[in-house]
Amino acid sequence: MAEAKAQVPDCAFSGVGKGDWPMVKAYFRMIDQPEQSAVTLPNILATHRKRTVRRMMGQIVVLCVQDGSDLNYNSLDECEGLGVIGTNQIGAKSRGLHLHSTLAVAPNGLSFRTYG
């Protein structure tokens, strides 16, 4: 499943499965686990993070380029977990998320992806 998804990361898994419905069903069964199960995002990404850090440590210099953005979801009436990201001149509050992203790259252009 992971290898198939890695080939086309921007495609929904039903498209990744290319008609292999047992694999698609297994994928959805895997991601529909309770929070206390071993199948959690941090557990799935743990090996990836370790390997990314190992690759970064093999470089003399790693540049960490950072950016902060506000994602405004004010128009979504039924979205949970949003916070206040700002207020306008009349005091109305905007709901959304603060996003702080970091891109790690080596001076030779090699990039390092970390998730979560």
PDB file of N, CA and C in Angstrom:
ATOM      1  N   MET A   1       0.821  -1.188   0.000  1.00  0.00           N
ATOM      2  CA  MET A   1       0.000   0.000   0.000  1.00  0.00           C
ATOM      3  C   MET A   1       0.863   1.248   0.000  1.00  0.00           C
ATOM      4  N   ALA A   2       1.870   1.288   0.876  1.00  0.00           N
ATOM      5  CA  ALA A   2       2.711   2.474   0.984  1.00  0.00           C
ATOM      6  C   ALA A   2       3.477   2.717  -0.310  1.00  0.00           C
ATOM      7  N   GLU A   3       3.979   1.665  -0.901  1.00  0.00           N
ATOM      8  CA  GLU A   3       4.730   1.811  -2.152  1.00  0.00           C
ATOM      9  C   GLU A   3       3.834   2.334  -3.270  1.00  0.00           C
ATOM     10  N   ALA A   4       2.613   1.819  -3.357  1.00  0.00           N
ATOM     11  CA  ALA A   4       1.677   2.278  -4.384  1.00  0.00           C
ATOM     12  C   ALA A   4       1.329   3.748  -4.171  1.00  0.00           C
ATOM     13  N   LYS A   5       1.094   4.152  -2.938  1.00  0.00           N
ATOM     14  CA  LYS A   5       0.755   5.542  -2.634  1.00  0.00           C
ATOM     15  C   LYS A   5       1.942   6.463  -2.901  1.00  0.00           C
ATOM     16  N   ALA A   6       3.157   5.992  -2.628  1.00  0.00           N
ATOM     17  CA  ALA A   6       4.345   6.803  -2.856  1.00  0.00           C
ATOM     18  C   ALA A   6       4.550   7.115  -4.336  1.00  0.00           C
ATOM     19  N   GLN A   7       4.077   6.238  -5.204  1.00  0.00           N
ATOM     20  CA  GLN A   7       4.224   6.463  -6.645  1.00  0.00           C
ATOM     21  C   GLN A   7       3.376   7.631  -7.137  1.00  0.00           C
ATOM     22  N   VAL A   8       2.208   7.852  -6.526  1.00  0.00           N
ATOM     23  CA  VAL A   8       1.301   8.939  -6.916  1.00  0.00           C
ATOM     24  C   VAL A   8       0.721   9.583  -5.654  1.00  0.00           C
ATOM     25  N   PRO A   9       1.550  10.347  -4.909  1.00  0.00           N
ATOM     26  CA  PRO A   9       1.108  10.881  -3.622  1.00  0.00           C
ATOM     27  C   PRO A   9      -0.043  11.872  -3.713  1.00  0.00           C
ATOM     28  N   ASP A  10      -0.254  12.475  -4.878  1.00  0.00           N
ATOM     29  CA  ASP A  10      -1.325  13.460  -5.005  1.00  0.00           C
ATOM     30  C   ASP A  10      -2.650  12.851  -5.438  1.00  0.00           C
ATOM     31  N   CYS A  11      -2.706  11.540  -5.567  1.00  0.00           N
ATOM     32  CA  CYS A  11      -3.915  10.840  -6.019  1.00  0.00           C
ATOM     33  C   CYS A  11      -4.628  10.206  -4.820  1.00  0.00           C
ATOM     34  N   ALA A  12      -5.953  10.220  -4.837  1.00  0.00           N
ATOM     35  CA  ALA A  12      -6.726   9.544  -3.790  1.00  0.00           C
ATOM     36  C   ALA A  12      -6.409   8.054  -3.826  1.00  0.00           C
ATOM     37  N   PHE A  13      -6.506   7.390  -2.674  1.00  0.00           N
ATOM     38  CA  PHE A  13      -6.097   5.992  -2.644  1.00  0.00           C
ATOM     39  C   PHE A  13      -6.983   5.098  -3.510  1.00  0.00           C
ATOM     40  N   SER A  14      -8.240   5.464  -3.692  1.00  0.00           N
ATOM     41  CA  SER A  14      -9.089   4.645  -4.572  1.00  0.00           C
ATOM     42  C   SER A  14      -8.537   4.651  -5.997  1.00  0.00           C
ATOM     43  N   GLY A  15      -7.895   5.751  -6.408  1.00  0.00           N
ATOM     44  CA  GLY A  15      -7.238   5.799  -7.712  1.00  0.00           C
ATOM     45  C   GLY A  15      -5.900   5.099  -7.707  1.00  0.00           C
ATOM     46  N   VAL A  16      -5.194   5.158  -6.572  1.00  0.00           N
ATOM     47  CA  VAL A  16      -3.897   4.499  -6.444  1.00  0.00           C
ATOM     48  C   VAL A  16      -4.058   2.989  -6.582  1.00  0.00           C
ATOM     49  N   GLY A  17      -5.150   2.450  -6.017  1.00  0.00           N
ATOM     50  CA  GLY A  17      -5.375   1.011  -6.038  1.00  0.00           C
ATOM     51  C   GLY A  17      -5.615   0.442  -7.414  1.00  0.00           C
ATOM     52  N   LYS A  18      -5.980   1.283  -8.371  1.00  0.00           N
ATOM     53  CA  LYS A  18      -6.175   0.873  -9.767  1.00  0.00           C
ATOM     54  C   LYS A  18      -7.023  -0.385  -9.885  1.00  0.00           C
ATOM     55  N   GLY A  19      -8.137  -0.405  -9.186  1.00  0.00           N
ATOM     56  CA  GLY A  19      -9.053  -1.537  -9.291  1.00  0.00           C
ATOM     57  C   GLY A  19      -8.764  -2.693  -8.353  1.00  0.00           C
ATOM     58  N   ASP A  20      -7.692  -2.617  -7.572  1.00  0.00           N
ATOM     59  CA  ASP A  20      -7.379  -3.661  -6.594  1.00  0.00           C
ATOM     60  C   ASP A  20      -8.184  -3.352  -5.332  1.00  0.00           C
ATOM     61  N   TRP A  21      -9.482  -3.708  -5.369  1.00  0.00           N
ATOM     62  CA  TRP A  21     -10.387  -3.332  -4.283  1.00  0.00           C
ATOM     63  C   TRP A  21     -10.033  -3.952  -2.937  1.00  0.00           C
ATOM     64  N   PRO A  22      -9.475  -5.166  -2.874  1.00  0.00           N
ATOM     65  CA  PRO A  22      -9.029  -5.649  -1.554  1.00  0.00           C
ATOM     66  C   PRO A  22      -7.948  -4.750  -0.943  1.00  0.00           C
ATOM     67  N   MET A  23      -7.027  -4.230  -1.773  1.00  0.00           N
ATOM     68  CA  MET A  23      -5.988  -3.334  -1.262  1.00  0.00           C
ATOM     69  C   MET A  23      -6.611  -2.005  -0.816  1.00  0.00           C
ATOM     70  N   VAL A  24      -7.553  -1.480  -1.587  1.00  0.00           N
ATOM     71  CA  VAL A  24      -8.214  -0.226  -1.215  1.00  0.00           C
ATOM     72  C   VAL A  24      -8.969  -0.400   0.101  1.00  0.00           C
ATOM     73  N   LYS A  25      -9.688  -1.521   0.233  1.00  0.00           N
ATOM     74  CA  LYS A  25     -10.430  -1.782   1.465  1.00  0.00           C
ATOM     75  C   LYS A  25      -9.472  -1.918   2.653  1.00  0.00           C
ATOM     76  N   ALA A  26      -8.340  -2.590   2.447  1.00  0.00           N
ATOM     77  CA  ALA A  26      -7.348  -2.736   3.522  1.00  0.00           C
ATOM     78  C   ALA A  26      -6.781  -1.386   3.923  1.00  0.00           C
ATOM     79  N   TYR A  27      -6.552  -0.509   2.944  1.00  0.00           N
ATOM     80  CA  TYR A  27      -6.048   0.828   3.232  1.00  0.00           C
ATOM     81  C   TYR A  27      -7.028   1.589   4.120  1.00  0.00           C
ATOM     82  N   PHE A  28      -8.293   1.601   3.744  1.00  0.00           N
ATOM     83  CA  PHE A  28      -9.284   2.327   4.540  1.00  0.00           C
ATOM     84  C   PHE A  28      -9.501   1.679   5.902  1.00  0.00           C
ATOM     85  N   ARG A  29      -9.370   0.377   5.998  1.00  0.00           N
ATOM     86  CA  ARG A  29      -9.459  -0.295   7.291  1.00  0.00           C
ATOM     87  C   ARG A  29      -8.284   0.126   8.178  1.00  0.00           C
ATOM     88  N   MET A  30      -7.107   0.296   7.568  1.00  0.00           N
ATOM     89  CA  MET A  30      -5.924   0.692   8.326  1.00  0.00           C
ATOM     90  C   MET A  30      -6.071   2.115   8.873  1.00  0.00           C
ATOM     91  N   ILE A  31      -6.542   3.055   8.044  1.00  0.00           N
ATOM     92  CA  ILE A  31      -6.606   4.446   8.502  1.00  0.00           C
ATOM     93  C   ILE A  31      -7.809   4.713   9.397  1.00  0.00           C
ATOM     94  N   ASP A  32      -8.766   3.797   9.443  1.00  0.00           N
ATOM     95  CA  ASP A  32      -9.956   3.983  10.272  1.00  0.00           C
ATOM     96  C   ASP A  32      -9.802   3.247  11.600  1.00  0.00           C
ATOM     97  N   GLN A  33      -8.662   3.449  12.245  1.00  0.00           N
ATOM     98  CA  GLN A  33      -8.375   2.794  13.521  1.00  0.00           C
ATOM     99  C   GLN A  33      -8.664   3.757  14.674  1.00  0.00           C
ATOM    100  N   PRO A  34      -9.008   3.221  15.844  1.00  0.00           N
ATOM    101  CA  PRO A  34      -9.200   4.093  17.008  1.00  0.00           C
ATOM    102  C   PRO A  34      -7.885   4.772  17.405  1.00  0.00           C
ATOM    103  N   GLU A  35      -8.000   5.906  18.077  1.00  0.00           N
ATOM    104  CA  GLU A  35      -6.830   6.697  18.459  1.00  0.00           C
ATOM    105  C   GLU A  35      -5.797   5.905  19.265  1.00  0.00           C
ATOM    106  N   GLN A  36      -6.232   4.960  20.086  1.00  0.00           N
ATOM    107  CA  GLN A  36      -5.301   4.235  20.945  1.00  0.00           C
ATOM    108  C   GLN A  36      -4.608   3.066  20.236  1.00  0.00           C
ATOM    109  N   SER A  37      -4.891   2.859  18.958  1.00  0.00           N
ATOM    110  CA  SER A  37      -4.259   1.751  18.250  1.00  0.00           C
ATOM    111  C   SER A  37      -2.815   2.098  17.897  1.00  0.00           C
ATOM    112  N   ALA A  38      -2.064   1.094  17.455  1.00  0.00           N
ATOM    113  CA  ALA A  38      -0.677   1.313  17.046  1.00  0.00           C
ATOM    114  C   ALA A  38      -0.598   2.022  15.701  1.00  0.00           C
ATOM    115  N   VAL A  39      -1.692   2.044  14.958  1.00  0.00           N
ATOM    116  CA  VAL A  39      -1.712   2.693  13.651  1.00  0.00           C
ATOM    117  C   VAL A  39      -2.095   4.160  13.852  1.00  0.00           C
ATOM    118  N   THR A  40      -1.093   4.957  14.193  1.00  0.00           N
ATOM    119  CA  THR A  40      -1.298   6.391  14.371  1.00  0.00           C
ATOM    120  C   THR A  40      -0.333   7.120  13.448  1.00  0.00           C
ATOM    121  N   LEU A  41      -0.626   8.355  13.141  1.00  0.00           N
ATOM    122  CA  LEU A  41       0.254   9.128  12.267  1.00  0.00           C
ATOM    123  C   LEU A  41       1.674   9.215  12.823  1.00  0.00           C
ATOM    124  N   PRO A  42       1.867   9.512  14.117  1.00  0.00           N
ATOM    125  CA  PRO A  42       3.238   9.542  14.631  1.00  0.00           C
ATOM    126  C   PRO A  42       3.967   8.206  14.475  1.00  0.00           C
ATOM    127  N   ASN A  43       3.277   7.085  14.701  1.00  0.00           N
ATOM    128  CA  ASN A  43       3.917   5.777  14.552  1.00  0.00           C
ATOM    129  C   ASN A  43       4.240   5.471  13.096  1.00  0.00           C
ATOM    130  N   ILE A  44       3.351   5.853  12.193  1.00  0.00           N
ATOM    131  CA  ILE A  44       3.593   5.611  10.773  1.00  0.00           C
ATOM    132  C   ILE A  44       4.786   6.435  10.296  1.00  0.00           C
ATOM    133  N   LEU A  45       4.933   7.659  10.800  1.00  0.00           N
ATOM    134  CA  LEU A  45       5.991   8.555  10.338  1.00  0.00           C
ATOM    135  C   LEU A  45       7.311   8.406  11.090  1.00  0.00           C
ATOM    136  N   ALA A  46       7.342   7.644  12.158  1.00  0.00           N
ATOM    137  CA  ALA A  46       8.537   7.557  13.003  1.00  0.00           C
ATOM    138  C   ALA A  46       9.783   7.140  12.221  1.00  0.00           C
ATOM    139  N   THR A  47       9.697   6.100  11.426  1.00  0.00           N
ATOM    140  CA  THR A  47      10.851   5.638  10.653  1.00  0.00           C
ATOM    141  C   THR A  47      11.258   6.679   9.628  1.00  0.00           C
ATOM    142  N   HIS A  48      10.284   7.293   8.990  1.00  0.00           N
ATOM    143  CA  HIS A  48      10.585   8.343   8.018  1.00  0.00           C
ATOM    144  C   HIS A  48      11.347   9.492   8.673  1.00  0.00           C
ATOM    145  N   ARG A  49      10.898   9.902   9.846  1.00  0.00           N
ATOM    146  CA  ARG A  49      11.578  10.996  10.552  1.00  0.00           C
ATOM    147  C   ARG A  49      13.005  10.621  10.911  1.00  0.00           C
ATOM    148  N   LYS A  50      13.209   9.415  11.416  1.00  0.00           N
ATOM    149  CA  LYS A  50      14.558   8.978  11.784  1.00  0.00           C
ATOM    150  C   LYS A  50      15.480   8.989  10.570  1.00  0.00           C
ATOM    151  N   ARG A  51      15.004   8.485   9.453  1.00  0.00           N
ATOM    152  CA  ARG A  51      15.827   8.458   8.235  1.00  0.00           C
ATOM    153  C   ARG A  51      16.094   9.861   7.706  1.00  0.00           C
ATOM    154  N   THR A  52      15.116  10.746   7.816  1.00  0.00           N
ATOM    155  CA  THR A  52      15.313  12.136   7.374  1.00  0.00           C
ATOM    156  C   THR A  52      16.388  12.802   8.217  1.00  0.00           C
ATOM    157  N   VAL A  53      16.316  12.638   9.534  1.00  0.00           N
ATOM    158  CA  VAL A  53      17.320  13.225  10.422  1.00  0.00           C
ATOM    159  C   VAL A  53      18.698  12.640  10.115  1.00  0.00           C
ATOM    160  N   ARG A  54      18.774  11.340   9.842  1.00  0.00           N
ATOM    161  CA  ARG A  54      20.051  10.698   9.512  1.00  0.00           C
ATOM    162  C   ARG A  54      20.634  11.300   8.227  1.00  0.00           C
ATOM    163  N   ARG A  55      19.781  11.504   7.210  1.00  0.00           N
ATOM    164  CA  ARG A  55      20.261  12.115   5.958  1.00  0.00           C
ATOM    165  C   ARG A  55      20.726  13.543   6.197  1.00  0.00           C
ATOM    166  N   MET A  56      20.007  14.288   7.021  1.00  0.00           N
ATOM    167  CA  MET A  56      20.394  15.666   7.313  1.00  0.00           C
ATOM    168  C   MET A  56      21.729  15.717   8.049  1.00  0.00           C
ATOM    169  N   MET A  57      21.950  14.781   8.958  1.00  0.00           N
ATOM    170  CA  MET A  57      23.193  14.771   9.719  1.00  0.00           C
ATOM    171  C   MET A  57      24.393  14.437   8.838  1.00  0.00           C
ATOM    172  N   GLY A  58      24.142  13.862   7.672  1.00  0.00           N
ATOM    173  CA  GLY A  58      25.215  13.565   6.725  1.00  0.00           C
ATOM    174  C   GLY A  58      25.659  14.781   5.929  1.00  0.00           C
ATOM    175  N   GLN A  59      25.017  15.920   6.133  1.00  0.00           N
ATOM    176  CA  GLN A  59      25.354  17.153   5.423  1.00  0.00           C
ATOM    177  C   GLN A  59      26.160  18.074   6.343  1.00  0.00           C
ATOM    178  N   ILE A  60      27.039  18.851   5.771  1.00  0.00           N
ATOM    179  CA  ILE A  60      27.803  19.823   6.558  1.00  0.00           C
ATOM    180  C   ILE A  60      26.898  20.983   6.963  1.00  0.00           C
ATOM    181  N   VAL A  61      26.044  21.419   6.019  1.00  0.00           N
ATOM    182  CA  VAL A  61      25.135  22.539   6.266  1.00  0.00           C
ATOM    183  C   VAL A  61      23.735  22.150   5.818  1.00  0.00           C
ATOM    184  N   VAL A  62      22.757  22.433   6.639  1.00  0.00           N
ATOM    185  CA  VAL A  62      21.346  22.282   6.270  1.00  0.00           C
ATOM    186  C   VAL A  62      20.671  23.608   6.575  1.00  0.00           C
ATOM    187  N   LEU A  63      20.042  24.175   5.561  1.00  0.00           N
ATOM    188  CA  LEU A  63      19.329  25.438   5.727  1.00  0.00           C
ATOM    189  C   LEU A  63      17.866  25.132   6.025  1.00  0.00           C
ATOM    190  N   CYS A  64      17.321  25.729   7.054  1.00  0.00           N
ATOM    191  CA  CYS A  64      15.923  25.530   7.414  1.00  0.00           C
ATOM    192  C   CYS A  64      15.166  26.826   7.117  1.00  0.00           C
ATOM    193  N   VAL A  65      14.469  26.831   5.994  1.00  0.00           N
ATOM    194  CA  VAL A  65      13.728  28.003   5.537  1.00  0.00           C
ATOM    195  C   VAL A  65      12.324  27.921   6.124  1.00  0.00           C
ATOM    196  N   GLN A  66      11.917  28.983   6.831  1.00  0.00           N
ATOM    197  CA  GLN A  66      10.649  28.956   7.554  1.00  0.00           C
ATOM    198  C   GLN A  66       9.674  29.989   7.010  1.00  0.00           C
ATOM    199  N   ASP A  67       8.384  29.701   7.188  1.00  0.00           N
ATOM    200  CA  ASP A  67       7.341  30.627   6.778  1.00  0.00           C
ATOM    201  C   ASP A  67       6.146  30.454   7.706  1.00  0.00           C
ATOM    202  N   GLY A  68       5.478  31.541   7.990  1.00  0.00           N
ATOM    203  CA  GLY A  68       4.256  31.494   8.791  1.00  0.00           C
ATOM    204  C   GLY A  68       3.094  32.038   7.980  1.00  0.00           C
ATOM    205  N   SER A  69       1.982  31.363   8.037  1.00  0.00           N
ATOM    206  CA  SER A  69       0.782  31.793   7.314  1.00  0.00           C
ATOM    207  C   SER A  69      -0.436  31.553   8.189  1.00  0.00           C
ATOM    208  N   ASP A  70      -1.465  32.324   7.948  1.00  0.00           N
ATOM    209  CA  ASP A  70      -2.746  32.095   8.593  1.00  0.00           C
ATOM    210  C   ASP A  70      -3.701  31.513   7.567  1.00  0.00           C
ATOM    211  N   LEU A  71      -4.352  30.426   7.924  1.00  0.00           N
ATOM    212  CA  LEU A  71      -5.348  29.800   7.054  1.00  0.00           C
ATOM    213  C   LEU A  71      -6.720  30.211   7.579  1.00  0.00           C
ATOM    214  N   ASN A  72      -7.426  30.999   6.820  1.00  0.00           N
ATOM    215  CA  ASN A  72      -8.702  31.556   7.242  1.00  0.00           C
ATOM    216  C   ASN A  72      -9.837  30.640   6.796  1.00  0.00           C
ATOM    217  N   TYR A  73     -10.532  30.056   7.770  1.00  0.00           N
ATOM    218  CA  TYR A  73     -11.662  29.165   7.496  1.00  0.00           C
ATOM    219  C   TYR A  73     -12.964  29.770   8.026  1.00  0.00           C
ATOM    220  N   ASN A  74     -13.043  31.070   8.023  1.00  0.00           N
ATOM    221  CA  ASN A  74     -14.211  31.771   8.539  1.00  0.00           C
ATOM    222  C   ASN A  74     -15.496  31.356   7.831  1.00  0.00           C
ATOM    223  N   SER A  75     -15.406  30.992   6.569  1.00  0.00           N
ATOM    224  CA  SER A  75     -16.608  30.656   5.808  1.00  0.00           C
ATOM    225  C   SER A  75     -17.120  29.239   6.096  1.00  0.00           C
ATOM    226  N   LEU A  76     -16.374  28.441   6.848  1.00  0.00           N
ATOM    227  CA  LEU A  76     -16.804  27.078   7.165  1.00  0.00           C
ATOM    228  C   LEU A  76     -17.608  27.089   8.457  1.00  0.00           C
ATOM    229  N   ASP A  77     -18.898  26.839   8.349  1.00  0.00           N
ATOM    230  CA  ASP A  77     -19.767  26.898   9.526  1.00  0.00           C
ATOM    231  C   ASP A  77     -19.587  25.713  10.466  1.00  0.00           C
ATOM    232  N   GLU A  78     -19.283  24.535   9.930  1.00  0.00           N
ATOM    233  CA  GLU A  78     -19.267  23.322  10.747  1.00  0.00           C
ATOM    234  C   GLU A  78     -17.874  22.720  10.881  1.00  0.00           C
ATOM    235  N   CYS A  79     -16.880  23.546  11.078  1.00  0.00           N
ATOM    236  CA  CYS A  79     -15.510  23.065  11.229  1.00  0.00           C
ATOM    237  C   CYS A  79     -15.107  23.198  12.692  1.00  0.00           C
ATOM    238  N   GLU A  80     -14.599  22.109  13.277  1.00  0.00           N
ATOM    239  CA  GLU A  80     -14.224  22.102  14.693  1.00  0.00           C
ATOM    240  C   GLU A  80     -12.724  22.299  14.869  1.00  0.00           C
ATOM    241  N   GLY A  81     -12.334  22.810  16.018  1.00  0.00           N
ATOM    242  CA  GLY A  81     -10.928  22.902  16.382  1.00  0.00           C
ATOM    243  C   GLY A  81     -10.211  24.136  15.878  1.00  0.00           C
ATOM    244  N   LEU A  82     -10.947  25.094  15.331  1.00  0.00           N
ATOM    245  CA  LEU A  82     -10.315  26.311  14.834  1.00  0.00           C
ATOM    246  C   LEU A  82     -10.129  27.308  15.966  1.00  0.00           C
ATOM    247  N   GLY A  83      -9.119  28.146  15.837  1.00  0.00           N
ATOM    248  CA  GLY A  83      -8.887  29.193  16.809  1.00  0.00           C
ATOM    249  C   GLY A  83      -9.011  30.554  16.156  1.00  0.00           C
ATOM    250  N   VAL A  84      -8.861  31.573  16.951  1.00  0.00           N
ATOM    251  CA  VAL A  84      -8.912  32.943  16.436  1.00  0.00           C
ATOM    252  C   VAL A  84      -7.558  33.269  15.817  1.00  0.00           C
ATOM    253  N   ILE A  85      -7.570  33.716  14.560  1.00  0.00           N
ATOM    254  CA  ILE A  85      -6.320  34.063  13.884  1.00  0.00           C
ATOM    255  C   ILE A  85      -6.172  35.568  13.710  1.00  0.00           C
ATOM    256  N   GLY A  86      -7.174  36.310  14.094  1.00  0.00           N
ATOM    257  CA  GLY A  86      -7.074  37.765  13.997  1.00  0.00           C
ATOM    258  C   GLY A  86      -8.435  38.417  14.141  1.00  0.00           C
ATOM    259  N   THR A  87      -8.418  39.713  14.230  1.00  0.00           N
ATOM    260  CA  THR A  87      -9.656  40.485  14.278  1.00  0.00           C
ATOM    261  C   THR A  87      -9.553  41.618  13.269  1.00  0.00           C
ATOM    262  N   ASN A  88     -10.689  42.022  12.746  1.00  0.00           N
ATOM    263  CA  ASN A  88     -10.677  43.136  11.796  1.00  0.00           C
ATOM    264  C   ASN A  88     -10.886  44.461  12.526  1.00  0.00           C
ATOM    265  N   GLN A  89     -11.037  45.545  11.767  1.00  0.00           N
ATOM    266  CA  GLN A  89     -11.113  46.873  12.365  1.00  0.00           C
ATOM    267  C   GLN A  89     -12.357  47.103  13.213  1.00  0.00           C
ATOM    268  N   ILE A  90     -13.406  46.281  13.045  1.00  0.00           N
ATOM    269  CA  ILE A  90     -14.592  46.448  13.887  1.00  0.00           C
ATOM    270  C   ILE A  90     -14.662  45.394  14.997  1.00  0.00           C
ATOM    271  N   GLY A  91     -13.605  44.592  15.126  1.00  0.00           N
ATOM    272  CA  GLY A  91     -13.524  43.626  16.206  1.00  0.00           C
ATOM    273  C   GLY A  91     -14.046  42.233  15.892  1.00  0.00           C
ATOM    274  N   ALA A  92     -14.499  42.003  14.647  1.00  0.00           N
ATOM    275  CA  ALA A  92     -14.958  40.659  14.274  1.00  0.00           C
ATOM    276  C   ALA A  92     -13.761  39.715  14.216  1.00  0.00           C
ATOM    277  N   LYS A  93     -13.927  38.531  14.798  1.00  0.00           N
ATOM    278  CA  LYS A  93     -12.826  37.567  14.869  1.00  0.00           C
ATOM    279  C   LYS A  93     -12.857  36.621  13.677  1.00  0.00           C
ATOM    280  N   SER A  94     -11.680  36.350  13.130  1.00  0.00           N
ATOM    281  CA  SER A  94     -11.533  35.374  12.046  1.00  0.00           C
ATOM    282  C   SER A  94     -11.092  34.052  12.645  1.00  0.00           C
ATOM    283  N   ARG A  95     -11.729  32.962  12.188  1.00  0.00           N
ATOM    284  CA  ARG A  95     -11.383  31.620  12.682  1.00  0.00           C
ATOM    285  C   ARG A  95     -10.495  30.918  11.659  1.00  0.00           C
ATOM    286  N   GLY A  96      -9.536  30.158  12.172  1.00  0.00           N
ATOM    287  CA  GLY A  96      -8.666  29.418  11.269  1.00  0.00           C
ATOM    288  C   GLY A  96      -7.529  28.755  12.013  1.00  0.00           C
ATOM    289  N   LEU A  97      -6.428  28.594  11.313  1.00  0.00           N
ATOM    290  CA  LEU A  97      -5.244  27.930  11.856  1.00  0.00           C
ATOM    291  C   LEU A  97      -4.015  28.761  11.544  1.00  0.00           C
ATOM    292  N   HIS A  98      -3.081  28.788  12.467  1.00  0.00           N
ATOM    293  CA  HIS A  98      -1.760  29.362  12.192  1.00  0.00           C
ATOM    294  C   HIS A  98      -0.907  28.205  11.660  1.00  0.00           C
ATOM    295  N   LEU A  99      -0.299  28.387  10.514  1.00  0.00           N
ATOM    296  CA  LEU A  99       0.549  27.361   9.899  1.00  0.00           C
ATOM    297  C   LEU A  99       1.980  27.865   9.907  1.00  0.00           C
ATOM    298  N   HIS A 100       2.867  27.087  10.482  1.00  0.00           N
ATOM    299  CA  HIS A 100       4.289  27.428  10.451  1.00  0.00           C
ATOM    300  C   HIS A 100       5.002  26.265   9.795  1.00  0.00           C
ATOM    301  N   SER A 101       5.533  26.496   8.612  1.00  0.00           N
ATOM    302  CA  SER A 101       6.188  25.417   7.879  1.00  0.00           C
ATOM    303  C   SER A 101       7.682  25.680   7.769  1.00  0.00           C
ATOM    304  N   THR A 102       8.429  24.593   7.639  1.00  0.00           N
ATOM    305  CA  THR A 102       9.877  24.676   7.492  1.00  0.00           C
ATOM    306  C   THR A 102      10.299  23.746   6.365  1.00  0.00           C
ATOM    307  N   LEU A 103      11.122  24.242   5.473  1.00  0.00           N
ATOM    308  CA  LEU A 103      11.692  23.444   4.391  1.00  0.00           C
ATOM    309  C   LEU A 103      13.180  23.335   4.665  1.00  0.00           C
ATOM    310  N   ALA A 104      13.678  22.126   4.816  1.00  0.00           N
ATOM    311  CA  ALA A 104      15.097  21.906   5.070  1.00  0.00           C
ATOM    312  C   ALA A 104      15.775  21.532   3.754  1.00  0.00           C
ATOM    313  N   VAL A 105      16.826  22.280   3.411  1.00  0.00           N
ATOM    314  CA  VAL A 105      17.567  22.026   2.171  1.00  0.00           C
ATOM    315  C   VAL A 105      19.061  22.160   2.437  1.00  0.00           C
ATOM    316  N   ALA A 106      19.828  21.411   1.669  1.00  0.00           N
ATOM    317  CA  ALA A 106      21.279  21.549   1.698  1.00  0.00           C
ATOM    318  C   ALA A 106      21.663  22.573   0.628  1.00  0.00           C
ATOM    319  N   PRO A 107      22.810  23.221   0.762  1.00  0.00           N
ATOM    320  CA  PRO A 107      23.218  24.217  -0.238  1.00  0.00           C
ATOM    321  C   PRO A 107      23.290  23.671  -1.669  1.00  0.00           C
ATOM    322  N   ASN A 108      23.471  22.361  -1.830  1.00  0.00           N
ATOM    323  CA  ASN A 108      23.530  21.773  -3.170  1.00  0.00           C
ATOM    324  C   ASN A 108      22.128  21.533  -3.752  1.00  0.00           C
ATOM    325  N   GLY A 109      21.075  21.909  -3.025  1.00  0.00           N
ATOM    326  CA  GLY A 109      19.703  21.763  -3.530  1.00  0.00           C
ATOM    327  C   GLY A 109      18.975  20.534  -3.023  1.00  0.00           C
ATOM    328  N   LEU A 110      19.667  19.637  -2.332  1.00  0.00           N
ATOM    329  CA  LEU A 110      19.038  18.443  -1.784  1.00  0.00           C
ATOM    330  C   LEU A 110      18.021  18.866  -0.730  1.00  0.00           C
ATOM    331  N   SER A 111      16.762  18.411  -0.868  1.00  0.00           N
ATOM    332  CA  SER A 111      15.743  18.786   0.122  1.00  0.00           C
ATOM    333  C   SER A 111      15.422  17.592   1.005  1.00  0.00           C
ATOM    334  N   PHE A 112      14.937  17.896   2.193  1.00  0.00           N
ATOM    335  CA  PHE A 112      14.590  16.886   3.179  1.00  0.00           C
ATOM    336  C   PHE A 112      13.144  17.100   3.552  1.00  0.00           C
ATOM    337  N   ARG A 113      12.330  16.080   3.449  1.00  0.00           N
ATOM    338  CA  ARG A 113      10.915  16.211   3.777  1.00  0.00           C
ATOM    339  C   ARG A 113      10.647  15.589   5.116  1.00  0.00           C
ATOM    340  N   THR A 114       9.972  16.353   5.938  1.00  0.00           N
ATOM    341  CA  THR A 114       9.484  15.809   7.200  1.00  0.00           C
ATOM    342  C   THR A 114       8.002  16.098   7.273  1.00  0.00           C
ATOM    343  N   TYR A 115       7.275  15.224   7.881  1.00  0.00           N
ATOM    344  CA  TYR A 115       5.834  15.343   7.970  1.00  0.00           C
ATOM    345  C   TYR A 115       5.405  15.328   9.422  1.00  0.00           C
ATOM    346  N   GLY A 116       4.321  16.027   9.678  1.00  0.00           N
ATOM    347  CA  GLY A 116       3.723  15.981  11.009  1.00  0.00           C
ATOM    348  C   GLY A 116       4.353  16.896  11.992  1.00  0.00           C
TER     349      GLY A 116
END
